[in-house]
Amino acid sequence: MRPLVQIWARQRQQFEASYRQAATDSRSDAPADTAAPYGYGLRYQQQAATYVLWYQAPLLSLGYFTYDFSGGAHGNYGTRTVSYDTRTGQPLTFAAVFRPDARPRLGALLEAAARHTLRIPAGQPLEGPLLVKKIPVTTNFYLTSGGAMFTYGPYEIASYAQGEISLFVPMADLQPLLLHPNLAS
């Protein structure tokens, strides 16, 4: 694992290179009689933050939030979530947590959670309040002792205006789908 200072330096270099390229591209489109080149003052933004979402040894769940704006109507953002086994330091991936046949049943649980969270009545199509007919199973999840939170970024299942959507599925419902039923305890 690289020290944090090296990671930040690499991110800063990538951001600067992207900014310089966009500024160069915008100046090349400027009319010859323009006093000041286009592209001066491009308003790029990039933010990153890490949050502890859940910690009860041996389970640590983190959220890695990023926001990028490089032009257009609005920036783009999202939170990638990862749970770790603090005994090993290893991330608990979807394949390490859920049985291979879990997706269909998990999909039904996520739909029920979406209906509850977003107050969509049973029988009403999901499409309308959401951008999807069926809730896809995401591998962007984190564990707590009480269940799992599945997080969808803007545009993944809903409009940008609706923001990130997080759906909670209780551990009691997840138990038959887990490779190790005592995983979060």
C-alpha atoms as a PDB file:
ATOM      1  CA  MET A   1       0.000   0.000   0.000  1.00  0.00           C
ATOM      2  CA  ARG A   2       1.325   3.436  -0.937  1.00  0.00           C
ATOM      3  CA  PRO A   3       1.641   6.117   1.686  1.00  0.00           C
ATOM      4  CA  LEU A   4      -1.186   8.631   1.665  1.00  0.00           C
ATOM      5  CA  VAL A   5       1.114  11.464   0.568  1.00  0.00           C
ATOM      6  CA  GLN A   6       1.982   9.559  -2.634  1.00  0.00           C
ATOM      7  CA  ILE A   7      -1.692   8.886  -3.359  1.00  0.00           C
ATOM      8  CA  TRP A   8      -2.556  12.582  -2.940  1.00  0.00           C
ATOM      9  CA  ALA A   9       0.378  13.618  -5.136  1.00  0.00           C
ATOM     10  CA  ARG A  10      -0.750  11.239  -7.905  1.00  0.00           C
ATOM     11  CA  GLN A  11      -4.350  12.509  -7.699  1.00  0.00           C
ATOM     12  CA  ARG A  12      -3.162  16.123  -7.832  1.00  0.00           C
ATOM     13  CA  GLN A  13      -0.986  15.379 -10.886  1.00  0.00           C
ATOM     14  CA  GLN A  14      -3.876  13.658 -12.687  1.00  0.00           C
ATOM     15  CA  PHE A  15      -6.230  16.538 -11.884  1.00  0.00           C
ATOM     16  CA  GLU A  16      -3.703  19.138 -13.071  1.00  0.00           C
ATOM     17  CA  ALA A  17      -3.020  17.244 -16.316  1.00  0.00           C
ATOM     18  CA  SER A  18      -6.748  16.974 -17.040  1.00  0.00           C
ATOM     19  CA  TYR A  19      -7.258  20.677 -16.288  1.00  0.00           C
ATOM     20  CA  ARG A  20      -4.345  21.741 -18.502  1.00  0.00           C
ATOM     21  CA  GLN A  21      -5.625  19.591 -21.379  1.00  0.00           C
ATOM     22  CA  ALA A  22      -9.129  21.086 -21.114  1.00  0.00           C
ATOM     23  CA  ALA A  23      -7.682  24.609 -20.994  1.00  0.00           C
ATOM     24  CA  THR A  24      -5.544  23.906 -24.069  1.00  0.00           C
ATOM     25  CA  ASP A  25      -8.533  22.447 -25.923  1.00  0.00           C
ATOM     26  CA  SER A  26     -10.714  25.458 -25.115  1.00  0.00           C
ATOM     27  CA  ARG A  27      -8.010  27.954 -26.190  1.00  0.00           C
ATOM     28  CA  SER A  28      -7.634  26.198 -29.541  1.00  0.00           C
ATOM     29  CA  ASP A  29     -11.315  26.999 -30.265  1.00  0.00           C
ATOM     30  CA  ALA A  30     -10.897  30.731 -29.578  1.00  0.00           C
ATOM     31  CA  PRO A  31     -11.390  33.116 -32.502  1.00  0.00           C
ATOM     32  CA  ALA A  32      -8.144  34.784 -33.668  1.00  0.00           C
ATOM     33  CA  ASP A  33      -9.411  38.296 -32.851  1.00  0.00           C
ATOM     34  CA  THR A  34     -10.164  37.462 -29.222  1.00  0.00           C
ATOM     35  CA  ALA A  35      -8.223  39.608 -26.769  1.00  0.00           C
ATOM     36  CA  ALA A  36      -8.164  37.005 -24.013  1.00  0.00           C
ATOM     37  CA  PRO A  37      -8.016  33.277 -24.747  1.00  0.00           C
ATOM     38  CA  TYR A  38     -11.013  31.159 -23.869  1.00  0.00           C
ATOM     39  CA  GLY A  39     -10.411  28.707 -21.074  1.00  0.00           C
ATOM     40  CA  TYR A  40      -8.965  31.216 -18.679  1.00  0.00           C
ATOM     41  CA  GLY A  41     -10.466  30.445 -15.308  1.00  0.00           C
ATOM     42  CA  LEU A  42     -11.857  26.985 -15.993  1.00  0.00           C
ATOM     43  CA  ARG A  43     -13.785  26.078 -12.877  1.00  0.00           C
ATOM     44  CA  TYR A  44     -12.669  22.571 -12.085  1.00  0.00           C
ATOM     45  CA  GLN A  45     -13.361  21.048  -8.703  1.00  0.00           C
ATOM     46  CA  GLN A  46     -12.391  17.763  -7.165  1.00  0.00           C
ATOM     47  CA  GLN A  47     -13.150  16.619  -3.653  1.00  0.00           C
ATOM     48  CA  ALA A  48     -12.601  13.382  -1.790  1.00  0.00           C
ATOM     49  CA  ALA A  49     -13.462  12.307   1.725  1.00  0.00           C
ATOM     50  CA  THR A  50     -13.468   9.062   3.662  1.00  0.00           C
ATOM     51  CA  TYR A  51     -16.064   8.340   6.337  1.00  0.00           C
ATOM     52  CA  VAL A  52     -16.403   5.608   8.923  1.00  0.00           C
ATOM     53  CA  LEU A  53     -19.905   4.269   8.299  1.00  0.00           C
ATOM     54  CA  TRP A  54     -19.804   1.435  10.826  1.00  0.00           C
ATOM     55  CA  TYR A  55     -17.248   0.086  13.241  1.00  0.00           C
ATOM     56  CA  GLN A  56     -17.750  -2.781  15.621  1.00  0.00           C
ATOM     57  CA  ALA A  57     -14.749  -5.109  15.653  1.00  0.00           C
ATOM     58  CA  PRO A  58     -14.046  -7.130  13.636  1.00  0.00           C
ATOM     59  CA  LEU A  59     -16.131  -5.169  11.116  1.00  0.00           C
ATOM     60  CA  LEU A  60     -15.118  -1.764   9.749  1.00  0.00           C
ATOM     61  CA  SER A  61     -17.183  -0.180   6.964  1.00  0.00           C
ATOM     62  CA  LEU A  62     -15.906   2.914   5.145  1.00  0.00           C
ATOM     63  CA  GLY A  63     -17.432   5.269   2.605  1.00  0.00           C
ATOM     64  CA  TYR A  64     -15.149   6.845  -0.015  1.00  0.00           C
ATOM     65  CA  PHE A  65     -16.922   9.966  -1.298  1.00  0.00           C
ATOM     66  CA  THR A  66     -15.750  11.730  -4.461  1.00  0.00           C
ATOM     67  CA  TYR A  67     -17.003  14.797  -6.316  1.00  0.00           C
ATOM     68  CA  ASP A  68     -15.698  15.989  -9.678  1.00  0.00           C
ATOM     69  CA  PHE A  69     -16.691  18.983 -11.775  1.00  0.00           C
ATOM     70  CA  SER A  70     -15.017  19.581 -15.108  1.00  0.00           C
ATOM     71  CA  GLY A  71     -17.729  21.544 -16.894  1.00  0.00           C
ATOM     72  CA  GLY A  72     -21.332  20.993 -17.800  1.00  0.00           C
ATOM     73  CA  ALA A  73     -24.577  21.453 -15.936  1.00  0.00           C
ATOM     74  CA  HIS A  74     -23.291  20.013 -12.660  1.00  0.00           C
ATOM     75  CA  GLY A  75     -20.565  17.942 -11.140  1.00  0.00           C
ATOM     76  CA  ASN A  76     -20.721  14.236 -10.559  1.00  0.00           C
ATOM     77  CA  TYR A  77     -20.399  12.511  -7.217  1.00  0.00           C
ATOM     78  CA  GLY A  78     -20.746   9.178  -5.539  1.00  0.00           C
ATOM     79  CA  THR A  79     -19.808   7.108  -2.554  1.00  0.00           C
ATOM     80  CA  ARG A  80     -18.019   3.794  -2.920  1.00  0.00           C
ATOM     81  CA  THR A  81     -18.496   1.679   0.182  1.00  0.00           C
ATOM     82  CA  VAL A  82     -16.261  -1.095   1.459  1.00  0.00           C
ATOM     83  CA  SER A  83     -16.356  -3.268   4.562  1.00  0.00           C
ATOM     84  CA  TYR A  84     -13.157  -4.695   6.008  1.00  0.00           C
ATOM     85  CA  ASP A  85     -12.361  -7.558   8.353  1.00  0.00           C
ATOM     86  CA  THR A  86     -10.135  -5.787  10.887  1.00  0.00           C
ATOM     87  CA  ARG A  87      -8.467  -9.076  11.836  1.00  0.00           C
ATOM     88  CA  THR A  88      -7.019  -9.493   8.330  1.00  0.00           C
ATOM     89  CA  GLY A  89      -7.327  -5.994   6.854  1.00  0.00           C
ATOM     90  CA  GLN A  90      -8.965  -7.557   3.801  1.00  0.00           C
ATOM     91  CA  PRO A  91     -12.022  -6.033   2.099  1.00  0.00           C
ATOM     92  CA  LEU A  92     -15.197  -8.084   2.235  1.00  0.00           C
ATOM     93  CA  THR A  93     -16.208  -8.244  -1.428  1.00  0.00           C
ATOM     94  CA  PHE A  94     -19.657  -9.172  -2.689  1.00  0.00           C
ATOM     95  CA  ALA A  95     -18.369 -12.638  -3.668  1.00  0.00           C
ATOM     96  CA  ALA A  96     -16.817 -13.140  -0.209  1.00  0.00           C
ATOM     97  CA  VAL A  97     -20.033 -12.195   1.590  1.00  0.00           C
ATOM     98  CA  PHE A  98     -22.921 -13.536  -0.513  1.00  0.00           C
ATOM     99  CA  ARG A  99     -23.672 -17.009  -1.828  1.00  0.00           C
ATOM    100  CA  PRO A 100     -23.311 -17.359  -5.613  1.00  0.00           C
ATOM    101  CA  ASP A 101     -27.086 -17.890  -5.973  1.00  0.00           C
ATOM    102  CA  ALA A 102     -28.038 -14.856  -3.834  1.00  0.00           C
ATOM    103  CA  ARG A 103     -28.697 -12.296  -6.585  1.00  0.00           C
ATOM    104  CA  PRO A 104     -32.338 -13.149  -7.437  1.00  0.00           C
ATOM    105  CA  ARG A 105     -33.449 -13.189  -3.790  1.00  0.00           C
ATOM    106  CA  LEU A 106     -31.362 -10.136  -2.992  1.00  0.00           C
ATOM    107  CA  GLY A 107     -33.010  -8.314  -5.898  1.00  0.00           C
ATOM    108  CA  ALA A 108     -36.435  -8.944  -4.353  1.00  0.00           C
ATOM    109  CA  LEU A 109     -35.204  -7.720  -0.957  1.00  0.00           C
ATOM    110  CA  LEU A 110     -33.776  -4.558  -2.541  1.00  0.00           C
ATOM    111  CA  GLU A 111     -37.060  -3.872  -4.325  1.00  0.00           C
ATOM    112  CA  ALA A 112     -38.930  -4.191  -1.011  1.00  0.00           C
ATOM    113  CA  ALA A 113     -36.392  -1.853   0.621  1.00  0.00           C
ATOM    114  CA  ALA A 114     -36.774   0.662  -2.237  1.00  0.00           C
ATOM    115  CA  ARG A 115     -40.555   0.617  -1.949  1.00  0.00           C
ATOM    116  CA  HIS A 116     -40.303   1.166   1.816  1.00  0.00           C
ATOM    117  CA  THR A 117     -37.584   3.854   1.668  1.00  0.00           C
ATOM    118  CA  LEU A 118     -39.080   5.776  -1.245  1.00  0.00           C
ATOM    119  CA  ARG A 119     -42.719   5.141  -0.266  1.00  0.00           C
ATOM    120  CA  ILE A 120     -43.650   3.466  -3.534  1.00  0.00           C
ATOM    121  CA  PRO A 121     -46.858   1.479  -2.997  1.00  0.00           C
ATOM    122  CA  ALA A 122     -46.962  -2.244  -3.786  1.00  0.00           C
ATOM    123  CA  GLY A 123     -48.286  -2.778  -7.287  1.00  0.00           C
ATOM    124  CA  GLN A 124     -47.137   0.639  -8.536  1.00  0.00           C
ATOM    125  CA  PRO A 125     -44.356   0.325 -11.122  1.00  0.00           C
ATOM    126  CA  LEU A 126     -40.917   1.407  -9.944  1.00  0.00           C
ATOM    127  CA  GLU A 127     -40.372   3.195 -13.231  1.00  0.00           C
ATOM    128  CA  GLY A 128     -41.721   6.686 -12.793  1.00  0.00           C
ATOM    129  CA  PRO A 129     -40.412   7.467  -9.343  1.00  0.00           C
ATOM    130  CA  LEU A 130     -37.187   5.737 -10.461  1.00  0.00           C
ATOM    131  CA  LEU A 131     -35.369   5.305 -13.770  1.00  0.00           C
ATOM    132  CA  VAL A 132     -35.531   1.493 -13.637  1.00  0.00           C
ATOM    133  CA  LYS A 133     -38.249  -1.143 -13.892  1.00  0.00           C
ATOM    134  CA  LYS A 134     -36.350  -3.459 -11.554  1.00  0.00           C
ATOM    135  CA  ILE A 135     -33.796  -2.651  -8.824  1.00  0.00           C
ATOM    136  CA  PRO A 136     -30.412  -4.016  -9.928  1.00  0.00           C
ATOM    137  CA  VAL A 137     -28.266  -5.763  -7.349  1.00  0.00           C
ATOM    138  CA  THR A 138     -25.292  -3.514  -6.668  1.00  0.00           C
ATOM    139  CA  THR A 139     -21.967  -4.638  -5.278  1.00  0.00           C
ATOM    140  CA  ASN A 140     -21.602  -1.201  -3.657  1.00  0.00           C
ATOM    141  CA  PHE A 141     -22.656  -2.188  -0.133  1.00  0.00           C
ATOM    142  CA  TYR A 142     -21.450  -2.124   3.418  1.00  0.00           C
ATOM    143  CA  LEU A 143     -22.199  -4.248   6.441  1.00  0.00           C
ATOM    144  CA  THR A 144     -23.392  -3.387   9.917  1.00  0.00           C
ATOM    145  CA  SER A 145     -24.288  -5.731  12.751  1.00  0.00           C
ATOM    146  CA  GLY A 146     -27.953  -5.153  11.870  1.00  0.00           C
ATOM    147  CA  GLY A 147     -27.793  -5.716   8.107  1.00  0.00           C
ATOM    148  CA  ALA A 148     -26.376  -4.291   4.903  1.00  0.00           C
ATOM    149  CA  MET A 149     -26.740  -0.919   3.223  1.00  0.00           C
ATOM    150  CA  PHE A 150     -26.694  -0.917  -0.601  1.00  0.00           C
ATOM    151  CA  THR A 151     -25.788   2.432  -2.172  1.00  0.00           C
ATOM    152  CA  TYR A 152     -26.691   3.646  -5.671  1.00  0.00           C
ATOM    153  CA  GLY A 153     -25.116   6.759  -7.166  1.00  0.00           C
ATOM    154  CA  PRO A 154     -26.929   9.515  -9.058  1.00  0.00           C
ATOM    155  CA  TYR A 155     -28.399   8.251 -12.362  1.00  0.00           C
ATOM    156  CA  GLU A 156     -27.835   4.618 -11.369  1.00  0.00           C
ATOM    157  CA  ILE A 157     -31.483   4.019 -10.453  1.00  0.00           C
ATOM    158  CA  ALA A 158     -32.859   7.543 -10.052  1.00  0.00           C
ATOM    159  CA  SER A 159     -32.429  11.082 -11.315  1.00  0.00           C
ATOM    160  CA  TYR A 160     -29.524  13.285 -10.296  1.00  0.00           C
ATOM    161  CA  ALA A 161     -31.956  15.439  -8.307  1.00  0.00           C
ATOM    162  CA  GLN A 162     -32.851  12.436  -6.130  1.00  0.00           C
ATOM    163  CA  GLY A 163     -29.192  12.016  -5.212  1.00  0.00           C
ATOM    164  CA  GLU A 164     -27.601   8.881  -3.885  1.00  0.00           C
ATOM    165  CA  ILE A 165     -30.085   6.275  -2.747  1.00  0.00           C
ATOM    166  CA  SER A 166     -29.206   3.880   0.055  1.00  0.00           C
ATOM    167  CA  LEU A 167     -31.335   0.825   0.729  1.00  0.00           C
ATOM    168  CA  PHE A 168     -31.079  -1.109   3.995  1.00  0.00           C
ATOM    169  CA  VAL A 169     -31.741  -4.857   4.179  1.00  0.00           C
ATOM    170  CA  PRO A 170     -31.949  -6.320   7.717  1.00  0.00           C
ATOM    171  CA  MET A 171     -29.573  -9.109   8.709  1.00  0.00           C
ATOM    172  CA  ALA A 172     -32.512 -11.426   9.447  1.00  0.00           C
ATOM    173  CA  ASP A 173     -33.464 -11.252   5.741  1.00  0.00           C
ATOM    174  CA  LEU A 174     -29.850 -11.611   4.585  1.00  0.00           C
ATOM    175  CA  GLN A 175     -28.897 -14.652   6.720  1.00  0.00           C
ATOM    176  CA  PRO A 176     -29.911 -17.306   4.122  1.00  0.00           C
ATOM    177  CA  LEU A 177     -27.929 -15.429   1.426  1.00  0.00           C
ATOM    178  CA  LEU A 178     -24.636 -15.156   3.334  1.00  0.00           C
ATOM    179  CA  LEU A 179     -21.679 -17.482   2.841  1.00  0.00           C
ATOM    180  CA  HIS A 180     -20.879 -17.151   6.553  1.00  0.00           C
ATOM    181  CA  PRO A 181     -24.075 -16.529   8.578  1.00  0.00           C
ATOM    182  CA  ASN A 182     -22.079 -15.113  11.542  1.00  0.00           C
ATOM    183  CA  LEU A 183     -20.213 -12.649   9.333  1.00  0.00           C
ATOM    184  CA  ALA A 184     -21.289  -9.403  10.980  1.00  0.00           C
ATOM    185  CA  SER A 185     -21.257 -10.620  14.566  1.00  0.00           C
END
